[in-house]
Each structure stands twice: as C-alpha cells, then as structure tokens.
C-alpha cells in the first residue's frame, strides 16, 4: 500500500466526516430554529436553544430547561426568563414556567453550595458553607416565588383562577439540611430530582380548566419577550436595590 493511497483514503474519510457533520448539525439547527453559520457548524446548538438563548438566565436555569426537554416536555410548554410588569410599574423576574395539564408550575432556581436551613414561614433562610465558617442569609425562596405567582395572576381574569404550583429547585453542591413547613401547593427539590417533582405535581392534581389556552401562551410569551427588554431589566435591578436600601447607603 503506497503512501499516496493512504493519504488519499484519509482525505476521503475527512470529507465524509465533514459532510456527515454538515447534515446532522443543519438538521439540529432547523429543529431549534437557528440559522446554520460557520460558528454553529463547529459548535452544535444546545438542547435548551429550542426554548431560550445562551445569554438568558443562569447556566443552572438553562440546564434545567434542557433537562425538561430531554424528559419529554414540549418546547412550547416551557417559558424561561420571564419579566412581568404590574400596573404600579413594579417588575417581577421569573426563572421558569412550565404549562401543564394540571396548571402552571412556577420554578425558582437557586445556585447554592453547603447546607441549607429554613422554614416555610420564615422570611429568611440560611446557607452554611466552609465547614460552618461562612453563613449567608437569603430571602425565603417560597415567599419569593409567591410574589412571582401573584404577578402572574394579575395578568388576566383567567390567570387569576388558574391553578399554579411553586417549585423551588436548589442546584449546585448543596444539602437541604433542615428545611420544613413547606407551604401548601409548594414543592422543594434538588436539581437531580427536579423532573420527578414536576411529574409528581402533574400526577397528583386534577386537570386544570383552561378557558383560553392561547391567551395563557400569549401572555407567557410576552413575559419572555419583556425579559429581554434592557430597560425593564434595569428597572428590575433598581427595584431590588431600592427594596434592599443599597441605593440609600453611603460608606
């Protein structure tokens, strides 16, 4: 076997690999509604891009979106990085909403490591890390998600009565050490059991009565579009700082 023949066969193999990659990546781009470019040719689109984009939300949120898609949920049922503006001008940012037969599952994703302590009726929970050397207080995620659901209910008369369930998902290397008194219609999960929690919510509740599914879908789509609005993002950050009082502290 001559050197020229070996080089020729290697060239043929490379060409065949490139052709195969072109068709497989192009098919994936069509699936997620993305144009095939030189960049996407070498970087296959992620599963979450059927729903959202790489710059939206946190990696854990996008990972959960991919996890939901891989578990059988349709892209049209998942809404990521929503922004809801109430009549008084206040904005509410929501990580993920999943539209199901049982109603809407409103998901708050938390990235924490260490031990997590808290009760459903407390305003603040505690994160302990570094073998007990570091403690961090953070706002009760159930109360936070309660505000998200309240904002969604204010969008229409149908949304006001539609069943909604709160799911708090802790991503990262954390342990739910002592978390009790979880509120009614609220659920708590680590990332690895989050899909199990979603399915349990659906299976343990009766089918919801949607008077107009298109209205719900359009309202959630509009909230996703608002989440990409830079002005509303700035207003939301300002509102958080105003609530915490950081913009009125001089050091």
C-alpha atoms as a PDB file:
ATOM      1  CA  UNK A   1       0.000   0.000   0.000  1.00  0.00           C
ATOM      2  CA  UNK A   2       1.614   3.230  -1.166  1.00  0.00           C
ATOM      3  CA  UNK A   3       1.853   6.433   0.851  1.00  0.00           C
ATOM      4  CA  UNK A   4      -0.204   8.265  -1.784  1.00  0.00           C
ATOM      5  CA  UNK A   5      -3.062   5.750  -1.438  1.00  0.00           C
ATOM      6  CA  UNK A   6      -3.077   6.080   2.368  1.00  0.00           C
ATOM      7  CA  UNK A   7      -3.201   9.880   2.113  1.00  0.00           C
ATOM      8  CA  UNK A   8      -5.998   9.624  -0.452  1.00  0.00           C
ATOM      9  CA  UNK A   9      -8.089   7.392   1.847  1.00  0.00           C
ATOM     10  CA  UNK A  10      -7.528   9.756   4.782  1.00  0.00           C
ATOM     11  CA  UNK A  11      -8.704  12.674   2.640  1.00  0.00           C
ATOM     12  CA  UNK A  12     -11.833  10.770   1.630  1.00  0.00           C
ATOM     13  CA  UNK A  13     -12.552   9.923   5.281  1.00  0.00           C
ATOM     14  CA  UNK A  14     -12.194  13.584   6.326  1.00  0.00           C
ATOM     15  CA  UNK A  15     -14.534  14.712   3.534  1.00  0.00           C
ATOM     16  CA  UNK A  16     -17.135  12.127   4.530  1.00  0.00           C
ATOM     17  CA  UNK A  17     -16.944  13.229   8.198  1.00  0.00           C
ATOM     18  CA  UNK A  18     -17.391  16.877   7.201  1.00  0.00           C
ATOM     19  CA  UNK A  19     -20.408  16.039   5.018  1.00  0.00           C
ATOM     20  CA  UNK A  20     -21.962  13.958   7.802  1.00  0.00           C
ATOM     21  CA  UNK A  21     -21.425  16.778  10.301  1.00  0.00           C
ATOM     22  CA  UNK A  22     -22.961  19.304   7.929  1.00  0.00           C
ATOM     23  CA  UNK A  23     -26.206  17.356   7.587  1.00  0.00           C
ATOM     24  CA  UNK A  24     -26.511  16.444  11.287  1.00  0.00           C
ATOM     25  CA  UNK A  25     -25.777  19.975  12.565  1.00  0.00           C
ATOM     26  CA  UNK A  26     -28.009  21.533   9.890  1.00  0.00           C
ATOM     27  CA  UNK A  27     -30.866  19.245  10.972  1.00  0.00           C
ATOM     28  CA  UNK A  28     -30.313  20.279  14.616  1.00  0.00           C
ATOM     29  CA  UNK A  29     -30.303  23.967  13.645  1.00  0.00           C
ATOM     30  CA  UNK A  30     -33.604  23.548  11.800  1.00  0.00           C
ATOM     31  CA  UNK A  31     -35.033  21.826  14.887  1.00  0.00           C
ATOM     32  CA  UNK A  32     -34.162  24.761  17.163  1.00  0.00           C
ATOM     33  CA  UNK A  33     -34.957  27.400  14.530  1.00  0.00           C
ATOM     34  CA  UNK A  34     -31.356  28.578  14.253  1.00  0.00           C
ATOM     35  CA  UNK A  35     -29.512  29.537  11.067  1.00  0.00           C
ATOM     36  CA  UNK A  36     -26.534  27.352  10.155  1.00  0.00           C
ATOM     37  CA  UNK A  37     -23.394  29.516  10.349  1.00  0.00           C
ATOM     38  CA  UNK A  38     -19.668  28.825  10.464  1.00  0.00           C
ATOM     39  CA  UNK A  39     -19.860  29.043  14.280  1.00  0.00           C
ATOM     40  CA  UNK A  40     -22.783  26.657  14.677  1.00  0.00           C
ATOM     41  CA  UNK A  41     -21.177  24.258  12.189  1.00  0.00           C
ATOM     42  CA  UNK A  42     -18.389  23.642  14.707  1.00  0.00           C
ATOM     43  CA  UNK A  43     -20.454  24.246  17.855  1.00  0.00           C
ATOM     44  CA  UNK A  44     -23.607  22.138  17.886  1.00  0.00           C
ATOM     45  CA  UNK A  45     -26.612  24.044  19.330  1.00  0.00           C
ATOM     46  CA  UNK A  46     -27.510  23.059  22.871  1.00  0.00           C
ATOM     47  CA  UNK A  47     -30.849  21.450  23.638  1.00  0.00           C
ATOM     48  CA  UNK A  48     -32.058  24.477  25.629  1.00  0.00           C
ATOM     49  CA  UNK A  49     -31.852  26.615  22.470  1.00  0.00           C
ATOM     50  CA  UNK A  50     -35.195  25.110  21.457  1.00  0.00           C
ATOM     51  CA  UNK A  51     -36.598  27.391  24.205  1.00  0.00           C
ATOM     52  CA  UNK A  52     -34.095  30.084  25.116  1.00  0.00           C
ATOM     53  CA  UNK A  53     -30.708  31.589  24.251  1.00  0.00           C
ATOM     54  CA  UNK A  54     -27.222  31.310  25.829  1.00  0.00           C
ATOM     55  CA  UNK A  55     -27.316  34.825  27.291  1.00  0.00           C
ATOM     56  CA  UNK A  56     -30.639  34.395  29.111  1.00  0.00           C
ATOM     57  CA  UNK A  57     -30.714  33.424  32.783  1.00  0.00           C
ATOM     58  CA  UNK A  58     -28.087  31.332  34.582  1.00  0.00           C
ATOM     59  CA  UNK A  59     -26.364  28.115  33.447  1.00  0.00           C
ATOM     60  CA  UNK A  60     -28.408  26.171  36.018  1.00  0.00           C
ATOM     61  CA  UNK A  61     -31.661  27.568  34.622  1.00  0.00           C
ATOM     62  CA  UNK A  62     -30.664  26.663  31.059  1.00  0.00           C
ATOM     63  CA  UNK A  63     -29.547  23.221  32.253  1.00  0.00           C
ATOM     64  CA  UNK A  64     -32.966  22.671  33.822  1.00  0.00           C
ATOM     65  CA  UNK A  65     -34.660  23.760  30.584  1.00  0.00           C
ATOM     66  CA  UNK A  66     -32.583  21.132  28.737  1.00  0.00           C
ATOM     67  CA  UNK A  67     -33.477  18.597  31.437  1.00  0.00           C
ATOM     68  CA  UNK A  68     -37.201  19.302  30.935  1.00  0.00           C
ATOM     69  CA  UNK A  69     -36.906  18.961  27.159  1.00  0.00           C
ATOM     70  CA  UNK A  70     -34.979  15.707  27.453  1.00  0.00           C
ATOM     71  CA  UNK A  71     -37.718  14.409  29.777  1.00  0.00           C
ATOM     72  CA  UNK A  72     -40.417  14.847  27.152  1.00  0.00           C
ATOM     73  CA  UNK A  73     -41.808  18.342  27.738  1.00  0.00           C
ATOM     74  CA  UNK A  74     -42.518  20.232  24.516  1.00  0.00           C
ATOM     75  CA  UNK A  75     -40.614  23.469  23.817  1.00  0.00           C
ATOM     76  CA  UNK A  76     -43.940  25.317  23.552  1.00  0.00           C
ATOM     77  CA  UNK A  77     -44.761  24.376  27.167  1.00  0.00           C
ATOM     78  CA  UNK A  78     -41.574  25.836  28.688  1.00  0.00           C
ATOM     79  CA  UNK A  79     -41.025  29.555  29.277  1.00  0.00           C
ATOM     80  CA  UNK A  80     -37.680  30.869  30.524  1.00  0.00           C
ATOM     81  CA  UNK A  81     -36.546  34.205  31.957  1.00  0.00           C
ATOM     82  CA  UNK A  82     -39.897  35.985  32.170  1.00  0.00           C
ATOM     83  CA  UNK A  83     -40.468  39.566  33.253  1.00  0.00           C
ATOM     84  CA  UNK A  84     -43.921  40.649  34.439  1.00  0.00           C
ATOM     85  CA  UNK A  85     -44.744  44.320  34.957  1.00  0.00           C
ATOM     86  CA  UNK A  86     -47.662  45.177  37.232  1.00  0.00           C
ATOM     87  CA  UNK A  87     -49.967  48.169  36.931  1.00  0.00           C
ATOM     88  CA  UNK A  88     -47.955  50.102  39.522  1.00  0.00           C
ATOM     89  CA  UNK A  89     -44.793  49.769  37.408  1.00  0.00           C
ATOM     90  CA  UNK A  90     -43.063  47.163  39.561  1.00  0.00           C
ATOM     91  CA  UNK A  91     -41.361  44.321  37.750  1.00  0.00           C
ATOM     92  CA  UNK A  92     -41.071  40.660  38.696  1.00  0.00           C
ATOM     93  CA  UNK A  93     -38.485  38.309  37.182  1.00  0.00           C
ATOM     94  CA  UNK A  94     -39.401  34.611  36.976  1.00  0.00           C
ATOM     95  CA  UNK A  95     -36.908  31.859  36.172  1.00  0.00           C
ATOM     96  CA  UNK A  96     -39.065  29.181  34.509  1.00  0.00           C
ATOM     97  CA  UNK A  97     -42.768  28.488  33.968  1.00  0.00           C
ATOM     98  CA  UNK A  98     -43.992  25.124  32.682  1.00  0.00           C
ATOM     99  CA  UNK A  99     -47.530  24.935  31.295  1.00  0.00           C
ATOM    100  CA  UNK A 100     -49.042  21.525  32.098  1.00  0.00           C
ATOM    101  CA  UNK A 101     -52.444  19.843  32.171  1.00  0.00           C
ATOM    102  CA  UNK A 102     -52.538  20.471  35.928  1.00  0.00           C
ATOM    103  CA  UNK A 103     -51.829  24.193  35.543  1.00  0.00           C
ATOM    104  CA  UNK A 104     -48.695  26.328  35.650  1.00  0.00           C
ATOM    105  CA  UNK A 105     -45.599  25.195  37.525  1.00  0.00           C
ATOM    106  CA  UNK A 106     -43.581  28.263  38.525  1.00  0.00           C
ATOM    107  CA  UNK A 107     -39.943  27.368  39.157  1.00  0.00           C
ATOM    108  CA  UNK A 108     -37.373  29.324  41.148  1.00  0.00           C
ATOM    109  CA  UNK A 109     -33.807  28.062  40.675  1.00  0.00           C
ATOM    110  CA  UNK A 110     -31.219  28.687  43.398  1.00  0.00           C
ATOM    111  CA  UNK A 111     -27.476  28.141  42.984  1.00  0.00           C
ATOM    112  CA  UNK A 112     -26.017  27.318  46.396  1.00  0.00           C
ATOM    113  CA  UNK A 113     -23.390  25.113  47.940  1.00  0.00           C
ATOM    114  CA  UNK A 114     -23.167  23.913  51.549  1.00  0.00           C
ATOM    115  CA  UNK A 115     -26.032  23.288  53.947  1.00  0.00           C
ATOM    116  CA  UNK A 116     -29.430  24.950  53.641  1.00  0.00           C
ATOM    117  CA  UNK A 117     -31.586  25.700  56.697  1.00  0.00           C
ATOM    118  CA  UNK A 118     -35.028  27.295  56.686  1.00  0.00           C
ATOM    119  CA  UNK A 119     -38.739  27.086  57.381  1.00  0.00           C
ATOM    120  CA  UNK A 120     -41.535  27.909  55.001  1.00  0.00           C
ATOM    121  CA  UNK A 121     -42.945  30.575  57.325  1.00  0.00           C
ATOM    122  CA  UNK A 122     -39.627  32.386  57.893  1.00  0.00           C
ATOM    123  CA  UNK A 123     -38.656  35.482  55.928  1.00  0.00           C
ATOM    124  CA  UNK A 124     -35.024  34.422  55.608  1.00  0.00           C
ATOM    125  CA  UNK A 125     -33.166  31.142  55.248  1.00  0.00           C
ATOM    126  CA  UNK A 126     -29.522  30.380  55.989  1.00  0.00           C
ATOM    127  CA  UNK A 127     -26.739  28.908  53.887  1.00  0.00           C
ATOM    128  CA  UNK A 128     -23.799  27.429  55.801  1.00  0.00           C
ATOM    129  CA  UNK A 129     -20.590  26.616  53.944  1.00  0.00           C
ATOM    130  CA  UNK A 130     -16.867  26.210  54.551  1.00  0.00           C
ATOM    131  CA  UNK A 131     -17.466  23.630  57.313  1.00  0.00           C
ATOM    132  CA  UNK A 132     -19.524  26.137  59.279  1.00  0.00           C
ATOM    133  CA  UNK A 133     -17.189  29.095  58.854  1.00  0.00           C
ATOM    134  CA  UNK A 134     -19.421  31.039  56.495  1.00  0.00           C
ATOM    135  CA  UNK A 135     -23.100  31.850  56.914  1.00  0.00           C
ATOM    136  CA  UNK A 136     -25.275  33.674  54.432  1.00  0.00           C
ATOM    137  CA  UNK A 137     -28.881  34.756  54.891  1.00  0.00           C
ATOM    138  CA  UNK A 138     -31.120  34.879  51.828  1.00  0.00           C
ATOM    139  CA  UNK A 139     -34.779  35.655  51.243  1.00  0.00           C
ATOM    140  CA  UNK A 140     -37.156  32.717  51.619  1.00  0.00           C
ATOM    141  CA  UNK A 141     -37.453  31.359  48.045  1.00  0.00           C
ATOM    142  CA  UNK A 142     -41.046  30.261  48.640  1.00  0.00           C
ATOM    143  CA  UNK A 143     -42.029  33.805  49.588  1.00  0.00           C
ATOM    144  CA  UNK A 144     -40.107  34.995  46.536  1.00  0.00           C
ATOM    145  CA  UNK A 145     -41.979  32.576  44.292  1.00  0.00           C
ATOM    146  CA  UNK A 146     -45.244  33.571  45.963  1.00  0.00           C
ATOM    147  CA  UNK A 147     -44.606  37.056  44.592  1.00  0.00           C
ATOM    148  CA  UNK A 148     -43.979  35.588  41.143  1.00  0.00           C
ATOM    149  CA  UNK A 149     -47.292  33.734  41.188  1.00  0.00           C
ATOM    150  CA  UNK A 150     -49.100  36.851  42.396  1.00  0.00           C
ATOM    151  CA  UNK A 151     -47.666  38.794  39.458  1.00  0.00           C
ATOM    152  CA  UNK A 152     -48.785  36.099  37.001  1.00  0.00           C
ATOM    153  CA  UNK A 153     -52.293  36.089  38.483  1.00  0.00           C
ATOM    154  CA  UNK A 154     -52.570  39.800  37.796  1.00  0.00           C
ATOM    155  CA  UNK A 155     -52.176  39.331  34.036  1.00  0.00           C
ATOM    156  CA  UNK A 156     -55.794  38.317  33.300  1.00  0.00           C
ATOM    157  CA  UNK A 157     -59.006  37.005  34.849  1.00  0.00           C
ATOM    158  CA  UNK A 158     -58.179  33.501  33.607  1.00  0.00           C
ATOM    159  CA  UNK A 159     -54.696  33.608  35.137  1.00  0.00           C
ATOM    160  CA  UNK A 160     -56.244  34.788  38.410  1.00  0.00           C
ATOM    161  CA  UNK A 161     -58.025  31.461  38.869  1.00  0.00           C
ATOM    162  CA  UNK A 162     -55.718  29.064  37.016  1.00  0.00           C
ATOM    163  CA  UNK A 163     -54.016  26.504  39.320  1.00  0.00           C
ATOM    164  CA  UNK A 164     -50.370  27.412  39.902  1.00  0.00           C
ATOM    165  CA  UNK A 165     -47.744  25.476  41.825  1.00  0.00           C
ATOM    166  CA  UNK A 166     -44.500  26.724  43.294  1.00  0.00           C
ATOM    167  CA  UNK A 167     -41.354  24.632  42.813  1.00  0.00           C
ATOM    168  CA  UNK A 168     -38.030  25.721  44.321  1.00  0.00           C
ATOM    169  CA  UNK A 169     -35.043  23.886  42.854  1.00  0.00           C
ATOM    170  CA  UNK A 170     -31.657  24.035  44.539  1.00  0.00           C
ATOM    171  CA  UNK A 171     -28.857  23.494  42.051  1.00  0.00           C
ATOM    172  CA  UNK A 172     -25.202  23.177  42.936  1.00  0.00           C
ATOM    173  CA  UNK A 173     -23.428  21.151  45.587  1.00  0.00           C
ATOM    174  CA  UNK A 174     -25.814  21.743  48.469  1.00  0.00           C
ATOM    175  CA  UNK A 175     -27.689  19.688  51.039  1.00  0.00           C
ATOM    176  CA  UNK A 176     -31.174  20.566  52.271  1.00  0.00           C
ATOM    177  CA  UNK A 177     -30.163  20.057  55.891  1.00  0.00           C
ATOM    178  CA  UNK A 178     -33.211  21.292  57.777  1.00  0.00           C
ATOM    179  CA  UNK A 179     -35.995  22.717  55.651  1.00  0.00           C
ATOM    180  CA  UNK A 180     -39.527  22.266  56.985  1.00  0.00           C
ATOM    181  CA  UNK A 181     -43.061  23.734  56.911  1.00  0.00           C
ATOM    182  CA  UNK A 182     -43.184  23.828  53.129  1.00  0.00           C
ATOM    183  CA  UNK A 183     -46.311  25.842  52.105  1.00  0.00           C
ATOM    184  CA  UNK A 184     -49.399  24.313  50.505  1.00  0.00           C
ATOM    185  CA  UNK A 185     -49.083  23.707  46.747  1.00  0.00           C
ATOM    186  CA  UNK A 186     -45.348  24.324  47.044  1.00  0.00           C
ATOM    187  CA  UNK A 187     -42.539  21.877  46.416  1.00  0.00           C
ATOM    188  CA  UNK A 188     -38.819  21.732  47.154  1.00  0.00           C
ATOM    189  CA  UNK A 189     -36.245  19.745  45.217  1.00  0.00           C
ATOM    190  CA  UNK A 190     -32.585  19.299  44.488  1.00  0.00           C
ATOM    191  CA  UNK A 191     -31.684  19.629  40.823  1.00  0.00           C
ATOM    192  CA  UNK A 192     -31.303  15.875  40.362  1.00  0.00           C
ATOM    193  CA  UNK A 193     -34.890  15.167  41.485  1.00  0.00           C
ATOM    194  CA  UNK A 194     -36.484  18.218  39.874  1.00  0.00           C
ATOM    195  CA  UNK A 195     -38.087  16.335  36.978  1.00  0.00           C
ATOM    196  CA  UNK A 196     -39.514  13.802  39.434  1.00  0.00           C
ATOM    197  CA  UNK A 197     -41.023  16.711  41.385  1.00  0.00           C
ATOM    198  CA  UNK A 198     -42.551  18.210  38.224  1.00  0.00           C
ATOM    199  CA  UNK A 199     -44.184  14.922  37.255  1.00  0.00           C
ATOM    200  CA  UNK A 200     -45.432  14.376  40.822  1.00  0.00           C
ATOM    201  CA  UNK A 201     -47.120  17.783  40.738  1.00  0.00           C
ATOM    202  CA  UNK A 202     -48.855  16.927  37.456  1.00  0.00           C
ATOM    203  CA  UNK A 203     -49.920  13.447  38.525  1.00  0.00           C
ATOM    204  CA  UNK A 204     -51.167  14.415  42.000  1.00  0.00           C
ATOM    205  CA  UNK A 205     -53.501  17.204  40.854  1.00  0.00           C
ATOM    206  CA  UNK A 206     -56.595  17.173  38.639  1.00  0.00           C
ATOM    207  CA  UNK A 207     -56.558  18.624  35.137  1.00  0.00           C
ATOM    208  CA  UNK A 208     -56.813  22.391  35.121  1.00  0.00           C
ATOM    209  CA  UNK A 209     -59.642  24.190  33.336  1.00  0.00           C
ATOM    210  CA  UNK A 210     -58.104  26.475  30.726  1.00  0.00           C
ATOM    211  CA  UNK A 211     -60.791  28.766  29.353  1.00  0.00           C
ATOM    212  CA  UNK A 212     -58.369  30.009  26.676  1.00  0.00           C
ATOM    213  CA  UNK A 213     -55.018  28.232  26.252  1.00  0.00           C
ATOM    214  CA  UNK A 214     -53.949  30.699  23.561  1.00  0.00           C
ATOM    215  CA  UNK A 215     -54.345  33.613  25.964  1.00  0.00           C
ATOM    216  CA  UNK A 216     -52.134  31.900  28.546  1.00  0.00           C
ATOM    217  CA  UNK A 217     -49.492  31.074  25.932  1.00  0.00           C
ATOM    218  CA  UNK A 218     -49.505  34.629  24.527  1.00  0.00           C
ATOM    219  CA  UNK A 219     -49.243  36.198  27.985  1.00  0.00           C
ATOM    220  CA  UNK A 220     -46.282  33.979  28.882  1.00  0.00           C
ATOM    221  CA  UNK A 221     -44.607  34.641  25.517  1.00  0.00           C
ATOM    222  CA  UNK A 222     -44.996  38.377  26.074  1.00  0.00           C
ATOM    223  CA  UNK A 223     -43.410  37.990  29.518  1.00  0.00           C
ATOM    224  CA  UNK A 224     -40.453  36.161  27.944  1.00  0.00           C
ATOM    225  CA  UNK A 225     -40.054  38.999  25.428  1.00  0.00           C
ATOM    226  CA  UNK A 226     -40.160  41.514  28.293  1.00  0.00           C
ATOM    227  CA  UNK A 227     -37.377  39.538  29.983  1.00  0.00           C
ATOM    228  CA  UNK A 228     -35.102  40.503  27.086  1.00  0.00           C
ATOM    229  CA  UNK A 229     -36.001  44.206  27.370  1.00  0.00           C
ATOM    230  CA  UNK A 230     -32.902  46.040  28.654  1.00  0.00           C
ATOM    231  CA  UNK A 231     -34.952  48.918  30.083  1.00  0.00           C
ATOM    232  CA  UNK A 232     -37.152  46.582  32.117  1.00  0.00           C
ATOM    233  CA  UNK A 233     -34.050  44.712  33.270  1.00  0.00           C
ATOM    234  CA  UNK A 234     -32.568  47.962  34.579  1.00  0.00           C
ATOM    235  CA  UNK A 235     -35.863  48.847  36.278  1.00  0.00           C
ATOM    236  CA  UNK A 236     -35.969  45.421  37.913  1.00  0.00           C
ATOM    237  CA  UNK A 237     -32.413  45.751  39.270  1.00  0.00           C
ATOM    238  CA  UNK A 238     -33.167  49.258  40.523  1.00  0.00           C
ATOM    239  CA  UNK A 239     -36.325  47.985  42.246  1.00  0.00           C
ATOM    240  CA  UNK A 240     -34.314  45.297  44.060  1.00  0.00           C
ATOM    241  CA  UNK A 241     -31.714  47.836  45.204  1.00  0.00           C
ATOM    242  CA  UNK A 242     -34.476  50.183  46.329  1.00  0.00           C
ATOM    243  CA  UNK A 243     -36.150  47.400  48.327  1.00  0.00           C
ATOM    244  CA  UNK A 244     -32.841  46.468  49.984  1.00  0.00           C
ATOM    245  CA  UNK A 245     -31.927  50.120  50.501  1.00  0.00           C
ATOM    246  CA  UNK A 246     -28.468  49.720  48.941  1.00  0.00           C
ATOM    247  CA  UNK A 247     -29.013  52.865  46.878  1.00  0.00           C
ATOM    248  CA  UNK A 248     -29.532  54.867  50.089  1.00  0.00           C
ATOM    249  CA  UNK A 249     -26.416  53.675  51.907  1.00  0.00           C
ATOM    250  CA  UNK A 250     -23.204  55.717  51.889  1.00  0.00           C
ATOM    251  CA  UNK A 251     -19.995  54.137  53.130  1.00  0.00           C
END
